[in-house]
Every structure is written in C-alpha cells, then in structure tokens.
Amino acid sequence: MMRNLNSSNINSNSNNRKKKWLRLGAVGLALLLIPRRSSLKADSKLAANAENEVNNKVANKFTKEDESALK
C-alpha cells in the first residue's frame, strides 16, 4: 500500500515539474516574440543616426573634393 502512494507522489511531482517548465518556456517565448516599444524607438533612432552620419561623410567628401579641384 505504501509503495503505491510513493509512486503516485513521484508521478505527481514529475507532472508538476513538467507543467512548471512548460509555463516557463511559454512565458519566455512570449517575451521574445512580443516587441518592446523602447527597443523599436531605439532601433529607429539608431537608423536615423546612421543615415545622418553617412550623409555627413558624403557631404564632407564632396566638399573636400570641390576644394581641391578649385586649387
């Protein structure tokens, strides 16, 4: 009789662990898939800054070439 109780407790603990890991995995996956607003804003700012840097470098390059052509 005691043996049956122990095996049911083991199965119950095993099922509880499985459920806990399943919930943890589902929450983790949801956090990865749901975009955060702050990261979207940061990405757009980075893209704008990168574009500004490229435009400034191109403008500076043309300015230097124009100055050397005038000499």
C-alpha atoms as a PDB file:
ATOM      1  CA  MET A   1       0.000   0.000   0.000  1.00  0.00           C
ATOM      2  CA  MET A   2       2.776   2.417   0.915  1.00  0.00           C
ATOM      3  CA  ARG A   3       4.533   1.713  -2.358  1.00  0.00           C
ATOM      4  CA  ASN A   4       1.535   2.827  -4.423  1.00  0.00           C
ATOM      5  CA  LEU A   5       1.338   6.118  -2.549  1.00  0.00           C
ATOM      6  CA  ASN A   6       5.003   6.818  -3.207  1.00  0.00           C
ATOM      7  CA  SER A   7       4.728   6.111  -6.920  1.00  0.00           C
ATOM      8  CA  SER A   8       1.705   8.406  -7.227  1.00  0.00           C
ATOM      9  CA  ASN A   9       3.633  11.163  -5.414  1.00  0.00           C
ATOM     10  CA  ILE A  10       6.556  10.709  -7.800  1.00  0.00           C
ATOM     11  CA  ASN A  11       4.246  10.919 -10.818  1.00  0.00           C
ATOM     12  CA  SER A  12       2.561  13.982  -9.352  1.00  0.00           C
ATOM     13  CA  ASN A  13       5.916  15.687  -8.747  1.00  0.00           C
ATOM     14  CA  SER A  14       7.053  14.799 -12.249  1.00  0.00           C
ATOM     15  CA  ASN A  15       3.878  16.247 -13.751  1.00  0.00           C
ATOM     16  CA  ASN A  16       4.227  19.403 -11.657  1.00  0.00           C
ATOM     17  CA  ARG A  17       7.813  19.870 -12.876  1.00  0.00           C
ATOM     18  CA  LYS A  18       6.739  19.371 -16.485  1.00  0.00           C
ATOM     19  CA  LYS A  19       3.942  21.908 -16.108  1.00  0.00           C
ATOM     20  CA  LYS A  20       6.283  24.401 -14.456  1.00  0.00           C
ATOM     21  CA  TRP A  21       8.859  24.104 -17.252  1.00  0.00           C
ATOM     22  CA  LEU A  22       6.135  24.297 -19.887  1.00  0.00           C
ATOM     23  CA  ARG A  23       4.805  27.522 -18.342  1.00  0.00           C
ATOM     24  CA  LEU A  24       8.291  28.953 -18.025  1.00  0.00           C
ATOM     25  CA  GLY A  25       9.045  28.128 -21.651  1.00  0.00           C
ATOM     26  CA  ALA A  26       5.769  29.662 -22.831  1.00  0.00           C
ATOM     27  CA  VAL A  27       6.432  32.883 -20.909  1.00  0.00           C
ATOM     28  CA  GLY A  28       9.991  33.048 -22.226  1.00  0.00           C
ATOM     29  CA  LEU A  29       8.824  32.529 -25.800  1.00  0.00           C
ATOM     30  CA  ALA A  30       6.144  35.189 -25.401  1.00  0.00           C
ATOM     31  CA  LEU A  31       8.708  37.677 -24.102  1.00  0.00           C
ATOM     32  CA  LEU A  32      10.920  37.003 -27.099  1.00  0.00           C
ATOM     33  CA  LEU A  33       8.118  37.339 -29.636  1.00  0.00           C
ATOM     34  CA  ILE A  34       6.354  40.429 -28.263  1.00  0.00           C
ATOM     35  CA  PRO A  35       8.318  43.515 -29.353  1.00  0.00           C
ATOM     36  CA  ARG A  36       9.024  46.146 -26.760  1.00  0.00           C
ATOM     37  CA  ARG A  37       8.270  49.744 -27.609  1.00  0.00           C
ATOM     38  CA  SER A  38      11.531  51.030 -26.222  1.00  0.00           C
ATOM     39  CA  SER A  39      13.578  48.757 -28.462  1.00  0.00           C
ATOM     40  CA  LEU A  40      11.613  49.882 -31.532  1.00  0.00           C
ATOM     41  CA  LYS A  41      12.299  53.517 -30.697  1.00  0.00           C
ATOM     42  CA  ALA A  42      15.959  52.783 -30.134  1.00  0.00           C
ATOM     43  CA  ASP A  43      16.199  50.968 -33.468  1.00  0.00           C
ATOM     44  CA  SER A  44      14.642  53.872 -35.353  1.00  0.00           C
ATOM     45  CA  LYS A  45      16.970  56.343 -33.617  1.00  0.00           C
ATOM     46  CA  LEU A  46      19.989  54.217 -34.490  1.00  0.00           C
ATOM     47  CA  ALA A  47      18.895  54.007 -38.110  1.00  0.00           C
ATOM     48  CA  ALA A  48      18.372  57.776 -38.276  1.00  0.00           C
ATOM     49  CA  ASN A  49      21.758  58.437 -36.666  1.00  0.00           C
ATOM     50  CA  ALA A  50      23.486  56.046 -39.073  1.00  0.00           C
ATOM     51  CA  GLU A  51      21.807  57.726 -42.035  1.00  0.00           C
ATOM     52  CA  ASN A  52      22.860  61.167 -40.771  1.00  0.00           C
ATOM     53  CA  GLU A  53      26.454  60.003 -40.359  1.00  0.00           C
ATOM     54  CA  VAL A  54      26.541  58.645 -43.909  1.00  0.00           C
ATOM     55  CA  ASN A  55      25.046  61.856 -45.282  1.00  0.00           C
ATOM     56  CA  ASN A  56      27.601  63.934 -43.360  1.00  0.00           C
ATOM     57  CA  LYS A  57      30.511  61.831 -44.603  1.00  0.00           C
ATOM     58  CA  VAL A  58      29.301  62.084 -48.184  1.00  0.00           C
ATOM     59  CA  ALA A  59      28.821  65.846 -47.864  1.00  0.00           C
ATOM     60  CA  ASN A  60      32.288  66.258 -46.330  1.00  0.00           C
ATOM     61  CA  LYS A  61      33.873  64.153 -49.069  1.00  0.00           C
ATOM     62  CA  PHE A  62      32.317  66.248 -51.811  1.00  0.00           C
ATOM     63  CA  THR A  63      33.312  69.441 -50.051  1.00  0.00           C
ATOM     64  CA  LYS A  64      36.956  68.337 -49.819  1.00  0.00           C
ATOM     65  CA  GLU A  65      36.985  67.236 -53.466  1.00  0.00           C
ATOM     66  CA  ASP A  66      35.479  70.562 -54.519  1.00  0.00           C
ATOM     67  CA  GLU A  67      38.083  72.496 -52.528  1.00  0.00           C
ATOM     68  CA  SER A  68      40.960  70.501 -54.055  1.00  0.00           C
ATOM     69  CA  ALA A  69      39.537  70.981 -57.570  1.00  0.00           C
ATOM     70  CA  LEU A  70      39.382  74.743 -57.020  1.00  0.00           C
ATOM     71  CA  LYS A  71      43.087  74.945 -56.098  1.00  0.00           C
END
